[in-house]
Amino acid sequence: MTEMLDRIREAVGILPDVEERISHGQPTWFVGDKQFAQFRDDHHGEGRTVVCVRTGGDDEQAMLIEAAPDVYSRPAYLASKGWVAIMLIGDIDWVLVDDRISRSWELAAPRALLEAGGR
């Protein structure tokens, strides 16, 4: 799982003003004071490796899960806030993962950072 975490760190590393911290025992990334991504490996013994990201809200969350239930799921503790978990198994579509991480960053970034040019 280290290689997956390294790959997530690579995707997050190109985004401005990002800080990695451990939150609830998981590597978690913040922009400003807002969390925008969390890596989970066998979180609470569920046997999955995922990256959790923000969506635009409940409608987008539901649409993603319905369209690709083998890729997206509702993450524990974050689902009620409109987040999705992206499965990191099999043939991973890293372009999709990178895009969802970037979109999540945009949803969490302070307005001043976005107005200054964002990513």
N, C-alpha and C. Protein backbone atom coordinates (compact mmCIF):
# COMPACT_ATOMS: atom_id res chain seq x y z
N MET A 1 0.81 -1.20 0.00
CA MET A 1 0.00 0.00 0.00
C MET A 1 0.85 1.26 0.00
N THR A 2 2.12 1.11 0.33
CA THR A 2 3.01 2.27 0.34
C THR A 2 3.08 2.93 -1.03
N GLU A 3 3.11 2.10 -2.10
CA GLU A 3 3.19 2.68 -3.44
C GLU A 3 1.92 3.47 -3.78
N MET A 4 0.77 3.03 -3.30
CA MET A 4 -0.46 3.78 -3.54
C MET A 4 -0.45 5.10 -2.78
N LEU A 5 0.00 5.05 -1.54
CA LEU A 5 0.09 6.27 -0.75
C LEU A 5 1.09 7.23 -1.39
N ASP A 6 2.20 6.72 -1.86
CA ASP A 6 3.17 7.57 -2.55
C ASP A 6 2.55 8.21 -3.79
N ARG A 7 1.74 7.45 -4.52
CA ARG A 7 1.10 7.97 -5.73
C ARG A 7 0.08 9.05 -5.38
N ILE A 8 -0.65 8.87 -4.29
CA ILE A 8 -1.58 9.91 -3.83
C ILE A 8 -0.79 11.15 -3.41
N ARG A 9 0.29 10.97 -2.70
CA ARG A 9 1.12 12.12 -2.30
C ARG A 9 1.64 12.87 -3.52
N GLU A 10 1.96 12.15 -4.58
CA GLU A 10 2.41 12.78 -5.83
C GLU A 10 1.29 13.65 -6.40
N ALA A 11 0.08 13.14 -6.44
CA ALA A 11 -1.06 13.89 -6.97
C ALA A 11 -1.35 15.13 -6.13
N VAL A 12 -1.27 14.98 -4.83
CA VAL A 12 -1.55 16.09 -3.92
C VAL A 12 -0.42 17.11 -3.95
N GLY A 13 0.80 16.62 -4.16
CA GLY A 13 1.97 17.48 -4.11
C GLY A 13 2.03 18.57 -5.15
N ILE A 14 1.30 18.44 -6.23
CA ILE A 14 1.32 19.48 -7.27
C ILE A 14 0.34 20.61 -6.98
N LEU A 15 -0.48 20.45 -5.94
CA LEU A 15 -1.48 21.46 -5.60
C LEU A 15 -0.88 22.48 -4.62
N PRO A 16 -1.23 23.76 -4.76
CA PRO A 16 -0.65 24.78 -3.89
C PRO A 16 -1.20 24.78 -2.46
N ASP A 17 -0.33 25.18 -1.55
CA ASP A 17 -0.68 25.42 -0.14
C ASP A 17 -1.30 24.22 0.56
N VAL A 18 -0.78 23.04 0.29
CA VAL A 18 -1.29 21.81 0.87
C VAL A 18 -0.42 21.39 2.04
N GLU A 19 -1.07 20.90 3.06
CA GLU A 19 -0.37 20.37 4.24
C GLU A 19 -0.89 18.96 4.51
N GLU A 20 0.04 18.03 4.74
CA GLU A 20 -0.33 16.67 5.12
C GLU A 20 -0.22 16.55 6.63
N ARG A 21 -1.27 16.00 7.22
CA ARG A 21 -1.30 15.73 8.66
C ARG A 21 -1.97 14.38 8.87
N ILE A 22 -1.70 13.79 9.99
CA ILE A 22 -2.43 12.58 10.38
C ILE A 22 -3.70 13.03 11.08
N SER A 23 -4.83 12.53 10.58
CA SER A 23 -6.12 12.83 11.19
C SER A 23 -6.85 11.51 11.37
N HIS A 24 -7.24 11.21 12.59
CA HIS A 24 -7.91 9.95 12.91
C HIS A 24 -7.07 8.75 12.45
N GLY A 25 -5.75 8.90 12.57
CA GLY A 25 -4.83 7.82 12.24
C GLY A 25 -4.57 7.63 10.76
N GLN A 26 -5.07 8.54 9.92
CA GLN A 26 -4.95 8.40 8.47
C GLN A 26 -4.19 9.59 7.88
N PRO A 27 -3.35 9.37 6.85
CA PRO A 27 -2.75 10.51 6.14
C PRO A 27 -3.87 11.34 5.51
N THR A 28 -3.87 12.63 5.83
CA THR A 28 -4.95 13.52 5.43
C THR A 28 -4.35 14.81 4.93
N TRP A 29 -4.95 15.38 3.89
CA TRP A 29 -4.43 16.61 3.30
C TRP A 29 -5.42 17.74 3.47
N PHE A 30 -4.84 18.91 3.76
CA PHE A 30 -5.61 20.12 4.04
C PHE A 30 -5.13 21.24 3.13
N VAL A 31 -6.05 22.12 2.77
CA VAL A 31 -5.73 23.39 2.15
C VAL A 31 -6.39 24.43 3.04
N GLY A 32 -5.61 25.40 3.51
CA GLY A 32 -6.12 26.26 4.57
C GLY A 32 -6.36 25.36 5.78
N ASP A 33 -7.48 25.48 6.38
CA ASP A 33 -7.83 24.60 7.51
C ASP A 33 -8.84 23.54 7.11
N LYS A 34 -9.08 23.38 5.82
CA LYS A 34 -10.10 22.43 5.37
C LYS A 34 -9.47 21.17 4.79
N GLN A 35 -9.99 20.06 5.24
CA GLN A 35 -9.57 18.76 4.74
C GLN A 35 -10.14 18.56 3.34
N PHE A 36 -9.32 18.01 2.42
CA PHE A 36 -9.84 17.73 1.09
C PHE A 36 -9.54 16.32 0.60
N ALA A 37 -8.67 15.59 1.26
CA ALA A 37 -8.40 14.21 0.85
C ALA A 37 -7.88 13.41 2.04
N GLN A 38 -8.23 12.13 2.06
CA GLN A 38 -7.76 11.24 3.13
C GLN A 38 -7.51 9.85 2.53
N PHE A 39 -6.33 9.31 2.82
CA PHE A 39 -5.97 7.96 2.38
C PHE A 39 -6.34 7.00 3.49
N ARG A 40 -7.02 5.92 3.11
CA ARG A 40 -7.43 4.92 4.09
C ARG A 40 -7.03 3.53 3.60
N ASP A 41 -6.32 2.80 4.44
CA ASP A 41 -5.95 1.43 4.13
C ASP A 41 -6.48 0.54 5.24
N ASP A 42 -7.46 -0.28 4.92
CA ASP A 42 -8.09 -1.19 5.88
C ASP A 42 -8.61 -0.42 7.10
N HIS A 43 -9.24 0.71 6.83
CA HIS A 43 -9.81 1.57 7.88
C HIS A 43 -10.85 0.78 8.67
N HIS A 44 -10.67 0.66 9.95
CA HIS A 44 -11.57 -0.09 10.83
C HIS A 44 -11.80 -1.52 10.35
N GLY A 45 -10.78 -2.12 9.73
CA GLY A 45 -10.87 -3.51 9.31
C GLY A 45 -11.79 -3.78 8.15
N GLU A 46 -12.10 -2.77 7.36
CA GLU A 46 -13.04 -2.97 6.25
C GLU A 46 -12.38 -3.63 5.03
N GLY A 47 -11.04 -3.77 5.04
CA GLY A 47 -10.35 -4.51 4.00
C GLY A 47 -10.23 -3.80 2.66
N ARG A 48 -10.40 -2.48 2.63
CA ARG A 48 -10.30 -1.73 1.38
C ARG A 48 -9.23 -0.66 1.48
N THR A 49 -8.65 -0.31 0.34
CA THR A 49 -7.75 0.82 0.26
C THR A 49 -8.43 1.85 -0.64
N VAL A 50 -8.61 3.07 -0.10
CA VAL A 50 -9.33 4.11 -0.81
C VAL A 50 -8.68 5.47 -0.56
N VAL A 51 -9.03 6.41 -1.40
CA VAL A 51 -8.78 7.81 -1.10
C VAL A 51 -10.15 8.48 -1.05
N CYS A 52 -10.39 9.23 0.00
CA CYS A 52 -11.66 9.91 0.19
C CYS A 52 -11.51 11.37 -0.25
N VAL A 53 -12.50 11.86 -1.00
CA VAL A 53 -12.46 13.22 -1.51
C VAL A 53 -13.83 13.87 -1.41
N ARG A 54 -13.81 15.20 -1.43
CA ARG A 54 -15.04 15.97 -1.43
C ARG A 54 -15.74 15.88 -2.79
N THR A 55 -17.04 16.06 -2.77
CA THR A 55 -17.81 16.27 -4.00
C THR A 55 -18.54 17.58 -3.84
N GLY A 56 -19.27 17.96 -4.87
CA GLY A 56 -20.06 19.19 -4.82
C GLY A 56 -21.28 19.09 -3.93
N GLY A 57 -21.55 17.92 -3.36
CA GLY A 57 -22.68 17.74 -2.47
C GLY A 57 -23.34 16.39 -2.66
N ASP A 58 -24.46 16.21 -1.99
CA ASP A 58 -25.15 14.92 -1.98
C ASP A 58 -25.56 14.45 -3.38
N ASP A 59 -25.98 15.37 -4.25
CA ASP A 59 -26.40 14.97 -5.60
C ASP A 59 -25.23 14.42 -6.40
N GLU A 60 -24.10 15.11 -6.35
CA GLU A 60 -22.92 14.63 -7.09
C GLU A 60 -22.44 13.31 -6.49
N GLN A 61 -22.44 13.22 -5.17
CA GLN A 61 -22.03 11.98 -4.50
C GLN A 61 -22.89 10.81 -4.99
N ALA A 62 -24.20 10.98 -4.98
CA ALA A 62 -25.12 9.92 -5.40
C ALA A 62 -24.92 9.56 -6.87
N MET A 63 -24.73 10.56 -7.72
CA MET A 63 -24.53 10.32 -9.14
C MET A 63 -23.26 9.51 -9.40
N LEU A 64 -22.17 9.86 -8.72
CA LEU A 64 -20.92 9.13 -8.90
C LEU A 64 -21.05 7.67 -8.46
N ILE A 65 -21.65 7.46 -7.30
CA ILE A 65 -21.80 6.10 -6.77
C ILE A 65 -22.71 5.28 -7.66
N GLU A 66 -23.80 5.88 -8.14
CA GLU A 66 -24.73 5.16 -9.01
C GLU A 66 -24.08 4.82 -10.36
N ALA A 67 -23.30 5.76 -10.90
CA ALA A 67 -22.68 5.56 -12.21
C ALA A 67 -21.54 4.54 -12.17
N ALA A 68 -20.82 4.48 -11.06
CA ALA A 68 -19.66 3.59 -10.99
C ALA A 68 -19.49 3.02 -9.57
N PRO A 69 -20.39 2.12 -9.16
CA PRO A 69 -20.33 1.59 -7.79
C PRO A 69 -19.09 0.73 -7.52
N ASP A 70 -18.42 0.30 -8.57
CA ASP A 70 -17.17 -0.45 -8.38
C ASP A 70 -15.99 0.47 -8.13
N VAL A 71 -16.17 1.77 -8.37
CA VAL A 71 -15.12 2.76 -8.17
C VAL A 71 -15.39 3.61 -6.92
N TYR A 72 -16.64 4.05 -6.75
CA TYR A 72 -17.01 4.98 -5.69
C TYR A 72 -17.87 4.31 -4.63
N SER A 73 -17.70 4.78 -3.39
CA SER A 73 -18.56 4.34 -2.30
C SER A 73 -18.69 5.47 -1.29
N ARG A 74 -19.56 5.25 -0.32
CA ARG A 74 -19.78 6.24 0.75
C ARG A 74 -18.79 5.94 1.89
N PRO A 75 -17.87 6.85 2.16
CA PRO A 75 -16.89 6.60 3.22
C PRO A 75 -17.46 6.83 4.61
N ALA A 76 -17.07 5.98 5.54
CA ALA A 76 -17.49 6.15 6.92
C ALA A 76 -17.09 7.54 7.41
N TYR A 77 -17.97 8.16 8.16
CA TYR A 77 -17.78 9.46 8.82
C TYR A 77 -17.81 10.65 7.87
N LEU A 78 -17.46 10.48 6.61
CA LEU A 78 -17.40 11.61 5.68
C LEU A 78 -18.57 11.63 4.70
N ALA A 79 -19.26 10.53 4.55
CA ALA A 79 -20.34 10.43 3.57
C ALA A 79 -21.44 11.46 3.83
N SER A 80 -21.74 11.71 5.08
CA SER A 80 -22.82 12.65 5.40
C SER A 80 -22.48 14.08 4.98
N LYS A 81 -21.20 14.32 4.66
CA LYS A 81 -20.78 15.64 4.20
C LYS A 81 -20.61 15.67 2.69
N GLY A 82 -21.08 14.61 2.01
CA GLY A 82 -21.04 14.57 0.55
C GLY A 82 -19.76 14.02 -0.04
N TRP A 83 -18.91 13.40 0.75
CA TRP A 83 -17.65 12.85 0.26
C TRP A 83 -17.88 11.49 -0.40
N VAL A 84 -16.91 11.08 -1.23
CA VAL A 84 -16.88 9.73 -1.78
C VAL A 84 -15.52 9.11 -1.50
N ALA A 85 -15.51 7.78 -1.47
CA ALA A 85 -14.27 7.02 -1.40
C ALA A 85 -14.03 6.46 -2.79
N ILE A 86 -12.81 6.59 -3.28
CA ILE A 86 -12.42 6.04 -4.57
C ILE A 86 -11.59 4.80 -4.30
N MET A 87 -12.04 3.66 -4.82
CA MET A 87 -11.36 2.39 -4.60
C MET A 87 -10.00 2.40 -5.28
N LEU A 88 -9.00 1.93 -4.57
CA LEU A 88 -7.65 1.82 -5.11
C LEU A 88 -7.29 0.35 -5.22
N ILE A 89 -8.00 -0.33 -6.12
CA ILE A 89 -7.77 -1.76 -6.34
C ILE A 89 -7.76 -2.03 -7.84
N GLY A 90 -7.13 -3.12 -8.22
CA GLY A 90 -7.14 -3.53 -9.62
C GLY A 90 -6.44 -2.54 -10.52
N ASP A 91 -7.02 -2.33 -11.70
CA ASP A 91 -6.47 -1.42 -12.70
C ASP A 91 -6.98 -0.01 -12.38
N ILE A 92 -6.23 0.74 -11.62
CA ILE A 92 -6.66 2.05 -11.13
C ILE A 92 -6.53 3.09 -12.24
N ASP A 93 -7.57 3.87 -12.42
CA ASP A 93 -7.57 4.97 -13.38
C ASP A 93 -6.98 6.20 -12.66
N TRP A 94 -5.67 6.35 -12.75
CA TRP A 94 -4.99 7.42 -12.01
C TRP A 94 -5.36 8.80 -12.54
N VAL A 95 -5.73 8.91 -13.79
CA VAL A 95 -6.18 10.21 -14.32
C VAL A 95 -7.46 10.62 -13.58
N LEU A 96 -8.38 9.70 -13.40
CA LEU A 96 -9.61 9.96 -12.67
C LEU A 96 -9.31 10.31 -11.21
N VAL A 97 -8.44 9.56 -10.58
CA VAL A 97 -8.09 9.82 -9.17
C VAL A 97 -7.47 11.21 -9.04
N ASP A 98 -6.53 11.54 -9.92
CA ASP A 98 -5.89 12.86 -9.89
C ASP A 98 -6.93 13.97 -10.07
N ASP A 99 -7.85 13.77 -11.01
CA ASP A 99 -8.88 14.77 -11.28
C ASP A 99 -9.79 14.97 -10.07
N ARG A 100 -10.20 13.87 -9.44
CA ARG A 100 -11.09 13.98 -8.27
C ARG A 100 -10.37 14.64 -7.10
N ILE A 101 -9.08 14.36 -6.92
CA ILE A 101 -8.31 15.01 -5.86
C ILE A 101 -8.23 16.51 -6.13
N SER A 102 -7.95 16.88 -7.37
CA SER A 102 -7.86 18.30 -7.73
C SER A 102 -9.20 19.00 -7.54
N ARG A 103 -10.27 18.34 -7.94
CA ARG A 103 -11.63 18.91 -7.76
C ARG A 103 -11.93 19.09 -6.28
N SER A 104 -11.54 18.13 -5.48
CA SER A 104 -11.76 18.22 -4.04
C SER A 104 -10.99 19.39 -3.45
N TRP A 105 -9.75 19.56 -3.91
CA TRP A 105 -8.93 20.71 -3.47
C TRP A 105 -9.65 22.01 -3.80
N GLU A 106 -10.18 22.12 -5.03
CA GLU A 106 -10.88 23.34 -5.43
C GLU A 106 -12.10 23.61 -4.55
N LEU A 107 -12.79 22.55 -4.14
CA LEU A 107 -13.97 22.72 -3.29
C LEU A 107 -13.61 23.17 -1.88
N ALA A 108 -12.38 22.87 -1.45
CA ALA A 108 -11.96 23.21 -0.08
C ALA A 108 -11.09 24.47 0.00
N ALA A 109 -10.47 24.86 -1.09
CA ALA A 109 -9.51 25.96 -1.08
C ALA A 109 -10.17 27.30 -0.72
N PRO A 110 -9.44 28.12 0.01
CA PRO A 110 -9.96 29.45 0.33
C PRO A 110 -10.17 30.26 -0.96
N ARG A 111 -11.18 31.08 -0.94
CA ARG A 111 -11.53 31.89 -2.12
C ARG A 111 -10.34 32.71 -2.61
N ALA A 112 -9.58 33.30 -1.70
CA ALA A 112 -8.43 34.14 -2.10
C ALA A 112 -7.41 33.31 -2.87
N LEU A 113 -7.20 32.07 -2.50
CA LEU A 113 -6.26 31.20 -3.22
C LEU A 113 -6.79 30.88 -4.62
N LEU A 114 -8.08 30.62 -4.72
CA LEU A 114 -8.68 30.35 -6.03
C LEU A 114 -8.61 31.58 -6.93
N GLU A 115 -8.87 32.76 -6.36
CA GLU A 115 -8.85 34.01 -7.14
C GLU A 115 -7.44 34.36 -7.58
N ALA A 116 -6.44 33.89 -6.83
CA ALA A 116 -5.04 34.16 -7.16
C ALA A 116 -4.52 33.23 -8.26
N GLY A 117 -5.35 32.34 -8.74
CA GLY A 117 -4.95 31.46 -9.82
C GLY A 117 -5.11 30.00 -9.50
N GLY A 118 -5.37 29.66 -8.22
CA GLY A 118 -5.63 28.28 -7.84
C GLY A 118 -4.55 27.33 -8.29
N ARG A 119 -4.97 26.25 -8.91
CA ARG A 119 -4.01 25.25 -9.36
C ARG A 119 -3.65 25.56 -10.74
